[in-house]
N, C-alpha and C. Protein backbone atom coordinates (compact mmCIF):
# COMPACT_ATOMS: atom_id res chain seq x y z
N MET A 1 -20.26 5.75 -3.04
CA MET A 1 -18.82 5.58 -3.10
C MET A 1 -18.20 6.80 -3.79
N ALA A 2 -16.93 7.00 -3.50
CA ALA A 2 -16.25 8.17 -4.06
C ALA A 2 -14.78 7.86 -4.31
N LEU A 3 -14.26 8.52 -5.33
CA LEU A 3 -12.82 8.43 -5.57
C LEU A 3 -12.12 9.34 -4.58
N LEU A 4 -11.08 8.82 -3.96
CA LEU A 4 -10.31 9.58 -2.98
C LEU A 4 -9.05 10.13 -3.63
N PRO A 5 -8.62 11.34 -3.27
CA PRO A 5 -7.35 11.84 -3.80
C PRO A 5 -6.19 11.04 -3.22
N ILE A 6 -5.29 10.62 -4.09
CA ILE A 6 -4.11 9.86 -3.66
C ILE A 6 -2.97 10.84 -3.40
N LEU A 7 -2.40 10.78 -2.22
CA LEU A 7 -1.26 11.63 -1.88
C LEU A 7 -0.09 11.26 -2.77
N LYS A 8 0.64 12.27 -3.22
CA LYS A 8 1.79 12.06 -4.11
C LYS A 8 3.08 12.43 -3.40
N TYR A 9 4.09 11.59 -3.61
CA TYR A 9 5.44 11.86 -3.12
C TYR A 9 5.88 13.20 -3.68
N PRO A 10 6.47 14.08 -2.88
CA PRO A 10 7.02 13.93 -1.53
C PRO A 10 6.11 14.43 -0.40
N ASP A 11 4.80 14.34 -0.56
CA ASP A 11 3.87 14.81 0.47
C ASP A 11 4.26 14.21 1.83
N PRO A 12 4.49 15.04 2.84
CA PRO A 12 4.94 14.54 4.15
C PRO A 12 3.91 13.65 4.85
N ARG A 13 2.64 13.73 4.45
CA ARG A 13 1.63 12.87 5.07
C ARG A 13 1.84 11.40 4.75
N LEU A 14 2.60 11.13 3.67
CA LEU A 14 2.93 9.74 3.34
C LEU A 14 3.88 9.12 4.37
N ARG A 15 4.51 9.96 5.18
CA ARG A 15 5.47 9.49 6.18
C ARG A 15 4.85 9.28 7.56
N ILE A 16 3.53 9.54 7.68
CA ILE A 16 2.85 9.37 8.96
C ILE A 16 2.62 7.88 9.21
N LYS A 17 2.98 7.44 10.40
CA LYS A 17 2.74 6.04 10.77
C LYS A 17 1.27 5.89 11.15
N ALA A 18 0.59 4.96 10.50
CA ALA A 18 -0.84 4.76 10.71
C ALA A 18 -1.12 4.17 12.10
N GLN A 19 -2.27 4.54 12.64
CA GLN A 19 -2.72 4.08 13.95
C GLN A 19 -3.59 2.83 13.80
N PRO A 20 -3.58 1.96 14.81
CA PRO A 20 -4.41 0.75 14.74
C PRO A 20 -5.90 1.09 14.66
N VAL A 21 -6.63 0.24 13.96
CA VAL A 21 -8.08 0.33 13.92
C VAL A 21 -8.58 -0.24 15.24
N THR A 22 -9.38 0.53 15.96
CA THR A 22 -9.87 0.08 17.27
C THR A 22 -11.31 -0.41 17.22
N HIS A 23 -12.07 0.03 16.23
CA HIS A 23 -13.43 -0.49 16.07
C HIS A 23 -13.85 -0.35 14.61
N VAL A 24 -14.70 -1.27 14.19
CA VAL A 24 -15.19 -1.28 12.81
C VAL A 24 -16.63 -0.79 12.84
N ASP A 25 -16.92 0.22 12.03
CA ASP A 25 -18.28 0.74 11.93
C ASP A 25 -18.61 1.03 10.46
N ASP A 26 -19.81 1.54 10.22
CA ASP A 26 -20.23 1.81 8.85
C ASP A 26 -19.36 2.87 8.17
N ALA A 27 -18.89 3.86 8.93
CA ALA A 27 -18.03 4.89 8.35
C ALA A 27 -16.72 4.27 7.84
N LEU A 28 -16.16 3.36 8.61
CA LEU A 28 -14.93 2.69 8.19
C LEU A 28 -15.20 1.83 6.95
N ARG A 29 -16.31 1.12 6.94
CA ARG A 29 -16.65 0.29 5.78
C ARG A 29 -16.82 1.15 4.52
N ARG A 30 -17.43 2.33 4.67
CA ARG A 30 -17.57 3.25 3.51
C ARG A 30 -16.20 3.71 3.03
N SER A 31 -15.31 4.02 3.97
CA SER A 31 -13.95 4.43 3.59
C SER A 31 -13.25 3.32 2.82
N VAL A 32 -13.43 2.08 3.26
CA VAL A 32 -12.81 0.94 2.57
C VAL A 32 -13.40 0.80 1.17
N GLU A 33 -14.71 0.96 1.02
CA GLU A 33 -15.32 0.90 -0.32
C GLU A 33 -14.74 2.00 -1.21
N ASP A 34 -14.55 3.19 -0.66
CA ASP A 34 -13.93 4.28 -1.43
C ASP A 34 -12.49 3.93 -1.80
N MET A 35 -11.80 3.27 -0.90
CA MET A 35 -10.41 2.85 -1.20
C MET A 35 -10.40 1.86 -2.36
N TYR A 36 -11.31 0.88 -2.34
CA TYR A 36 -11.38 -0.06 -3.47
C TYR A 36 -11.67 0.68 -4.78
N GLU A 37 -12.65 1.57 -4.76
CA GLU A 37 -13.01 2.29 -5.97
C GLU A 37 -11.81 3.09 -6.49
N THR A 38 -11.10 3.73 -5.58
CA THR A 38 -9.91 4.51 -5.94
C THR A 38 -8.81 3.61 -6.50
N MET A 39 -8.57 2.48 -5.85
CA MET A 39 -7.54 1.53 -6.28
C MET A 39 -7.84 1.02 -7.69
N TYR A 40 -9.08 0.57 -7.93
CA TYR A 40 -9.44 0.04 -9.25
C TYR A 40 -9.38 1.14 -10.32
N ALA A 41 -9.88 2.33 -10.01
CA ALA A 41 -9.87 3.43 -10.98
C ALA A 41 -8.44 3.84 -11.35
N SER A 42 -7.51 3.65 -10.42
CA SER A 42 -6.11 4.02 -10.65
C SER A 42 -5.29 2.87 -11.22
N LYS A 43 -5.94 1.75 -11.46
CA LYS A 43 -5.29 0.55 -12.01
C LYS A 43 -4.21 0.01 -11.07
N GLY A 44 -4.45 0.12 -9.76
CA GLY A 44 -3.52 -0.40 -8.77
C GLY A 44 -3.93 -1.78 -8.31
N VAL A 45 -3.01 -2.48 -7.66
CA VAL A 45 -3.32 -3.79 -7.09
C VAL A 45 -3.39 -3.72 -5.56
N GLY A 46 -3.02 -2.59 -5.00
CA GLY A 46 -3.08 -2.41 -3.56
C GLY A 46 -3.16 -0.93 -3.23
N LEU A 47 -3.74 -0.62 -2.07
CA LEU A 47 -3.83 0.76 -1.63
C LEU A 47 -3.88 0.78 -0.11
N ALA A 48 -2.98 1.53 0.49
CA ALA A 48 -2.94 1.67 1.95
C ALA A 48 -3.69 2.93 2.36
N GLY A 49 -4.30 2.88 3.53
CA GLY A 49 -5.02 4.04 4.04
C GLY A 49 -4.19 5.31 4.00
N THR A 50 -2.92 5.18 4.35
CA THR A 50 -2.01 6.33 4.38
C THR A 50 -1.99 7.06 3.03
N GLN A 51 -2.08 6.32 1.95
CA GLN A 51 -2.00 6.93 0.62
C GLN A 51 -3.18 7.83 0.30
N VAL A 52 -4.29 7.64 1.00
CA VAL A 52 -5.48 8.46 0.76
C VAL A 52 -5.82 9.29 2.00
N ASN A 53 -4.79 9.56 2.79
CA ASN A 53 -4.88 10.44 3.96
C ASN A 53 -5.82 9.88 5.04
N ILE A 54 -5.91 8.56 5.10
CA ILE A 54 -6.62 7.87 6.18
C ILE A 54 -5.53 7.18 6.99
N HIS A 55 -5.21 7.72 8.13
CA HIS A 55 -4.03 7.25 8.87
C HIS A 55 -4.39 6.17 9.89
N LEU A 56 -5.08 5.15 9.35
CA LEU A 56 -5.41 3.95 10.10
C LEU A 56 -4.77 2.77 9.40
N ARG A 57 -4.49 1.72 10.15
CA ARG A 57 -3.79 0.55 9.61
C ARG A 57 -4.79 -0.30 8.82
N ILE A 58 -5.00 0.12 7.57
CA ILE A 58 -5.93 -0.53 6.63
C ILE A 58 -5.25 -0.61 5.28
N PHE A 59 -5.40 -1.74 4.60
CA PHE A 59 -5.07 -1.75 3.18
C PHE A 59 -6.04 -2.62 2.42
N THR A 60 -6.22 -2.26 1.16
CA THR A 60 -7.02 -3.04 0.23
C THR A 60 -6.08 -3.61 -0.82
N MET A 61 -6.50 -4.75 -1.38
CA MET A 61 -5.63 -5.42 -2.35
C MET A 61 -6.50 -6.29 -3.26
N ASP A 62 -6.10 -6.37 -4.51
CA ASP A 62 -6.68 -7.32 -5.46
C ASP A 62 -5.62 -7.58 -6.52
N VAL A 63 -4.93 -8.69 -6.40
CA VAL A 63 -3.85 -9.02 -7.34
C VAL A 63 -4.32 -9.99 -8.42
N SER A 64 -5.63 -10.27 -8.47
CA SER A 64 -6.16 -11.21 -9.45
C SER A 64 -6.18 -10.59 -10.84
N ALA A 65 -6.05 -11.44 -11.84
CA ALA A 65 -6.11 -10.97 -13.22
C ALA A 65 -7.52 -10.46 -13.55
N SER A 66 -8.52 -11.04 -12.93
CA SER A 66 -9.91 -10.68 -13.22
C SER A 66 -10.38 -9.45 -12.44
N GLY A 67 -9.64 -9.06 -11.42
CA GLY A 67 -10.01 -7.89 -10.63
C GLY A 67 -11.25 -8.09 -9.79
N ASN A 68 -11.47 -9.31 -9.33
CA ASN A 68 -12.65 -9.56 -8.50
C ASN A 68 -12.34 -10.40 -7.26
N GLU A 69 -11.12 -10.27 -6.75
CA GLU A 69 -10.73 -11.00 -5.54
C GLU A 69 -10.24 -9.99 -4.50
N ARG A 70 -11.20 -9.24 -3.99
CA ARG A 70 -10.91 -8.16 -3.05
C ARG A 70 -10.47 -8.72 -1.69
N ILE A 71 -9.43 -8.10 -1.15
CA ILE A 71 -8.96 -8.43 0.19
C ILE A 71 -8.74 -7.11 0.92
N CYS A 72 -9.30 -7.01 2.11
CA CYS A 72 -9.06 -5.86 2.97
C CYS A 72 -8.51 -6.39 4.29
N VAL A 73 -7.44 -5.79 4.75
CA VAL A 73 -6.84 -6.21 6.02
C VAL A 73 -6.72 -4.98 6.93
N LEU A 74 -7.22 -5.14 8.13
CA LEU A 74 -7.09 -4.13 9.17
C LEU A 74 -6.01 -4.59 10.14
N ASN A 75 -5.20 -3.67 10.59
CA ASN A 75 -4.12 -3.96 11.55
C ASN A 75 -3.23 -5.12 11.11
N PRO A 76 -2.72 -5.06 9.87
CA PRO A 76 -1.88 -6.16 9.38
C PRO A 76 -0.56 -6.26 10.15
N GLU A 77 -0.14 -7.49 10.34
CA GLU A 77 1.13 -7.77 11.01
C GLU A 77 1.78 -8.94 10.29
N ILE A 78 2.97 -8.71 9.78
CA ILE A 78 3.70 -9.79 9.11
C ILE A 78 4.38 -10.64 10.19
N LEU A 79 4.03 -11.92 10.21
CA LEU A 79 4.54 -12.84 11.22
C LEU A 79 5.83 -13.53 10.78
N HIS A 80 5.91 -13.82 9.47
CA HIS A 80 7.05 -14.59 8.97
C HIS A 80 7.30 -14.22 7.52
N GLN A 81 8.57 -14.17 7.18
CA GLN A 81 8.98 -13.92 5.79
C GLN A 81 9.97 -15.00 5.40
N GLU A 82 9.94 -15.35 4.11
CA GLU A 82 10.81 -16.41 3.64
C GLU A 82 11.22 -16.15 2.19
N GLY A 83 12.46 -16.49 1.88
CA GLY A 83 12.93 -16.36 0.51
C GLY A 83 13.21 -14.92 0.11
N VAL A 84 13.71 -14.76 -1.11
CA VAL A 84 14.06 -13.44 -1.63
C VAL A 84 13.50 -13.32 -3.04
N LEU A 85 12.98 -12.17 -3.34
CA LEU A 85 12.41 -11.88 -4.64
C LEU A 85 12.83 -10.47 -5.04
N TYR A 86 13.28 -10.29 -6.25
CA TYR A 86 13.59 -8.96 -6.79
C TYR A 86 12.60 -8.71 -7.93
N GLU A 87 11.63 -7.86 -7.68
CA GLU A 87 10.63 -7.54 -8.69
C GLU A 87 10.56 -6.03 -8.87
N SER A 88 10.19 -5.62 -10.07
CA SER A 88 10.01 -4.20 -10.33
C SER A 88 8.73 -3.75 -9.65
N GLU A 89 8.82 -2.65 -8.91
CA GLU A 89 7.67 -2.09 -8.22
C GLU A 89 7.43 -0.67 -8.68
N GLY A 90 6.19 -0.29 -8.60
CA GLY A 90 5.78 1.08 -8.80
C GLY A 90 4.83 1.42 -7.67
N CYS A 91 4.29 2.62 -7.68
CA CYS A 91 3.42 3.04 -6.59
C CYS A 91 2.49 4.13 -7.08
N LEU A 92 1.24 4.05 -6.66
CA LEU A 92 0.27 5.08 -7.03
C LEU A 92 0.63 6.44 -6.43
N SER A 93 1.46 6.45 -5.40
CA SER A 93 1.88 7.71 -4.77
C SER A 93 3.21 8.24 -5.30
N VAL A 94 3.91 7.43 -6.09
CA VAL A 94 5.20 7.86 -6.65
C VAL A 94 5.09 7.68 -8.17
N LEU A 95 4.66 8.74 -8.83
CA LEU A 95 4.33 8.66 -10.25
C LEU A 95 5.55 8.40 -11.13
N ASN A 96 5.35 7.54 -12.10
CA ASN A 96 6.35 7.27 -13.14
C ASN A 96 7.70 6.83 -12.61
N ALA A 97 7.71 6.13 -11.50
CA ALA A 97 8.96 5.60 -10.95
C ALA A 97 8.78 4.11 -10.73
N TYR A 98 9.69 3.33 -11.29
CA TYR A 98 9.66 1.88 -11.15
C TYR A 98 11.09 1.41 -10.95
N ASP A 99 11.26 0.44 -10.05
CA ASP A 99 12.59 -0.12 -9.87
C ASP A 99 12.46 -1.45 -9.14
N LYS A 100 13.51 -2.26 -9.26
CA LYS A 100 13.51 -3.56 -8.58
C LYS A 100 13.78 -3.36 -7.10
N VAL A 101 12.98 -4.05 -6.29
CA VAL A 101 13.08 -3.96 -4.83
C VAL A 101 13.23 -5.36 -4.28
N LYS A 102 14.10 -5.50 -3.30
CA LYS A 102 14.29 -6.80 -2.64
C LYS A 102 13.17 -6.99 -1.62
N ARG A 103 12.41 -8.06 -1.79
CA ARG A 103 11.31 -8.39 -0.90
C ARG A 103 11.38 -9.88 -0.56
N ALA A 104 10.63 -10.27 0.45
CA ALA A 104 10.48 -11.69 0.76
C ALA A 104 9.58 -12.33 -0.29
N GLN A 105 9.90 -13.55 -0.68
CA GLN A 105 9.11 -14.26 -1.68
C GLN A 105 7.79 -14.75 -1.09
N LYS A 106 7.82 -15.11 0.20
CA LYS A 106 6.62 -15.60 0.88
C LYS A 106 6.45 -14.85 2.19
N VAL A 107 5.19 -14.57 2.53
CA VAL A 107 4.90 -13.95 3.83
C VAL A 107 3.71 -14.67 4.47
N HIS A 108 3.72 -14.63 5.78
CA HIS A 108 2.58 -15.10 6.57
C HIS A 108 2.18 -13.90 7.42
N MET A 109 0.93 -13.49 7.30
CA MET A 109 0.48 -12.30 8.02
C MET A 109 -0.85 -12.57 8.71
N ARG A 110 -1.12 -11.71 9.69
CA ARG A 110 -2.43 -11.76 10.34
C ARG A 110 -2.95 -10.35 10.47
N GLY A 111 -4.24 -10.26 10.68
CA GLY A 111 -4.92 -8.99 10.86
C GLY A 111 -6.37 -9.25 11.16
N MET A 112 -7.22 -8.29 10.79
CA MET A 112 -8.67 -8.43 10.98
C MET A 112 -9.36 -8.14 9.66
N ASP A 113 -10.54 -8.74 9.50
CA ASP A 113 -11.35 -8.42 8.34
C ASP A 113 -12.33 -7.28 8.69
N LEU A 114 -13.20 -6.94 7.77
CA LEU A 114 -14.13 -5.82 7.99
C LEU A 114 -15.24 -6.14 8.99
N ASP A 115 -15.30 -7.38 9.45
CA ASP A 115 -16.23 -7.73 10.52
C ASP A 115 -15.52 -7.74 11.87
N GLY A 116 -14.23 -7.37 11.88
CA GLY A 116 -13.46 -7.37 13.11
C GLY A 116 -12.99 -8.74 13.53
N LYS A 117 -13.10 -9.71 12.61
CA LYS A 117 -12.68 -11.08 12.92
C LYS A 117 -11.23 -11.28 12.52
N PRO A 118 -10.48 -12.07 13.31
CA PRO A 118 -9.08 -12.34 12.98
C PRO A 118 -8.97 -13.11 11.66
N ILE A 119 -7.97 -12.74 10.88
CA ILE A 119 -7.67 -13.48 9.64
C ILE A 119 -6.17 -13.71 9.57
N GLU A 120 -5.79 -14.76 8.87
CA GLU A 120 -4.39 -15.02 8.56
C GLU A 120 -4.29 -15.29 7.07
N LEU A 121 -3.22 -14.84 6.48
CA LEU A 121 -2.96 -15.06 5.06
C LEU A 121 -1.55 -15.56 4.88
N LYS A 122 -1.40 -16.55 4.02
CA LYS A 122 -0.07 -16.96 3.56
C LYS A 122 -0.04 -16.61 2.09
N ALA A 123 0.97 -15.87 1.69
CA ALA A 123 1.02 -15.38 0.32
C ALA A 123 2.42 -15.54 -0.24
N GLU A 124 2.49 -15.63 -1.56
CA GLU A 124 3.78 -15.64 -2.24
C GLU A 124 3.68 -14.86 -3.53
N GLY A 125 4.84 -14.57 -4.10
CA GLY A 125 4.88 -13.85 -5.37
C GLY A 125 4.29 -12.46 -5.25
N LEU A 126 3.47 -12.08 -6.24
CA LEU A 126 2.91 -10.74 -6.31
C LEU A 126 2.12 -10.37 -5.05
N MET A 127 1.33 -11.31 -4.54
CA MET A 127 0.54 -11.01 -3.35
C MET A 127 1.46 -10.72 -2.15
N ALA A 128 2.52 -11.49 -2.01
CA ALA A 128 3.48 -11.26 -0.91
C ALA A 128 4.13 -9.89 -1.06
N VAL A 129 4.51 -9.53 -2.28
CA VAL A 129 5.12 -8.22 -2.53
C VAL A 129 4.13 -7.12 -2.19
N CYS A 130 2.88 -7.28 -2.63
CA CYS A 130 1.85 -6.27 -2.38
C CYS A 130 1.65 -6.08 -0.87
N ILE A 131 1.57 -7.16 -0.12
CA ILE A 131 1.38 -7.06 1.33
C ILE A 131 2.54 -6.27 1.95
N GLN A 132 3.77 -6.61 1.57
CA GLN A 132 4.93 -5.91 2.14
C GLN A 132 4.93 -4.43 1.76
N HIS A 133 4.57 -4.14 0.52
CA HIS A 133 4.52 -2.76 0.02
C HIS A 133 3.49 -1.95 0.81
N GLU A 134 2.30 -2.53 1.01
CA GLU A 134 1.24 -1.79 1.71
C GLU A 134 1.54 -1.64 3.20
N VAL A 135 2.11 -2.66 3.82
CA VAL A 135 2.50 -2.55 5.24
C VAL A 135 3.58 -1.49 5.39
N ASP A 136 4.50 -1.40 4.44
CA ASP A 136 5.49 -0.32 4.46
C ASP A 136 4.79 1.04 4.50
N HIS A 137 3.78 1.23 3.63
CA HIS A 137 3.04 2.50 3.63
C HIS A 137 2.48 2.81 5.01
N LEU A 138 1.90 1.80 5.64
CA LEU A 138 1.29 2.00 6.96
C LEU A 138 2.33 2.35 8.02
N ASN A 139 3.58 2.02 7.74
CA ASN A 139 4.69 2.36 8.63
C ASN A 139 5.41 3.64 8.20
N GLY A 140 4.84 4.36 7.22
CA GLY A 140 5.42 5.62 6.78
C GLY A 140 6.58 5.46 5.81
N MET A 141 6.67 4.30 5.17
CA MET A 141 7.75 4.05 4.21
C MET A 141 7.20 3.95 2.79
N LEU A 142 8.06 4.27 1.83
CA LEU A 142 7.74 4.12 0.42
C LEU A 142 8.69 3.11 -0.21
N PHE A 143 8.30 2.54 -1.33
CA PHE A 143 9.18 1.55 -1.96
C PHE A 143 10.53 2.14 -2.32
N ILE A 144 10.57 3.44 -2.59
CA ILE A 144 11.84 4.06 -2.96
C ILE A 144 12.82 4.10 -1.79
N ASP A 145 12.32 3.95 -0.56
CA ASP A 145 13.21 3.90 0.60
C ASP A 145 14.11 2.67 0.58
N HIS A 146 13.74 1.67 -0.22
CA HIS A 146 14.53 0.45 -0.34
C HIS A 146 15.60 0.58 -1.42
N LEU A 147 15.62 1.71 -2.13
CA LEU A 147 16.58 1.92 -3.22
C LEU A 147 17.81 2.66 -2.72
N SER A 148 18.84 2.67 -3.56
CA SER A 148 20.07 3.40 -3.21
C SER A 148 19.77 4.89 -3.11
N ARG A 149 20.61 5.60 -2.41
CA ARG A 149 20.45 7.06 -2.24
C ARG A 149 20.46 7.74 -3.61
N LEU A 150 21.30 7.29 -4.52
CA LEU A 150 21.38 7.87 -5.86
C LEU A 150 20.03 7.73 -6.59
N LYS A 151 19.45 6.53 -6.56
CA LYS A 151 18.16 6.32 -7.22
C LYS A 151 17.06 7.14 -6.55
N GLN A 152 17.09 7.24 -5.22
CA GLN A 152 16.11 8.05 -4.50
C GLN A 152 16.20 9.51 -4.94
N ASP A 153 17.43 10.02 -5.04
CA ASP A 153 17.63 11.41 -5.46
C ASP A 153 17.12 11.66 -6.87
N ARG A 154 17.37 10.71 -7.77
CA ARG A 154 16.89 10.84 -9.15
C ARG A 154 15.36 10.89 -9.20
N ILE A 155 14.72 10.02 -8.43
CA ILE A 155 13.26 9.99 -8.40
C ILE A 155 12.72 11.27 -7.80
N ARG A 156 13.34 11.74 -6.71
CA ARG A 156 12.89 12.98 -6.06
C ARG A 156 13.00 14.14 -7.04
N LYS A 157 14.13 14.27 -7.73
CA LYS A 157 14.32 15.37 -8.68
C LYS A 157 13.32 15.29 -9.84
N LYS A 158 13.11 14.09 -10.34
CA LYS A 158 12.16 13.90 -11.44
C LYS A 158 10.75 14.27 -10.98
N THR A 159 10.39 13.87 -9.77
CA THR A 159 9.07 14.16 -9.22
C THR A 159 8.89 15.65 -9.01
N GLU A 160 9.88 16.31 -8.43
CA GLU A 160 9.79 17.75 -8.17
C GLU A 160 9.68 18.52 -9.49
N LYS A 161 10.39 18.07 -10.49
CA LYS A 161 10.36 18.72 -11.81
C LYS A 161 8.97 18.66 -12.42
N ASN A 162 8.27 17.54 -12.19
CA ASN A 162 6.97 17.34 -12.80
C ASN A 162 5.79 17.82 -11.95
N GLN A 163 6.09 18.38 -10.76
CA GLN A 163 5.02 18.87 -9.89
C GLN A 163 4.53 20.23 -10.39
N PRO A 164 3.21 20.42 -10.31
CA PRO A 164 2.68 21.73 -10.72
C PRO A 164 3.17 22.84 -9.80
N ARG A 165 3.42 23.99 -10.37
CA ARG A 165 3.89 25.15 -9.61
C ARG A 165 2.67 25.91 -9.07
N ASP A 166 2.82 26.49 -7.91
CA ASP A 166 1.72 27.30 -7.31
C ASP A 166 1.60 28.64 -8.00
């Protein structure tokens, strides 16, 4: 297993729309293991393939307090959303930026597991937010895209200021 470099905003690769997973093999499983290792090492609760320059529709997630309830979804599709939740979000790709984002309180989604078998998940609260956040990544969106233009500009300027110079 290996730690993968996480792309940082405003890297344009974060805006690439991920392609569907068409087959599951050992190379894909190794990539998913690397994604878990990277997610846990970065103290994240979710990680989309796009964030580690893997432009396939994959995300890993573990929202448990114990950090031992791994979930990987291939080709996720949100079928239904319900309710409204405003929670503070951050992102491993957008350093030191947190803000409240309007999300659905409950989601029903489907996808595939690492054996290529269909799965469905019904989630609420933090897990629902995490699913929506990671699916956004796979669609080339960041949580800051849900914020006002003023807040986006502030985050962009703060990020650019803190980026290393060549």
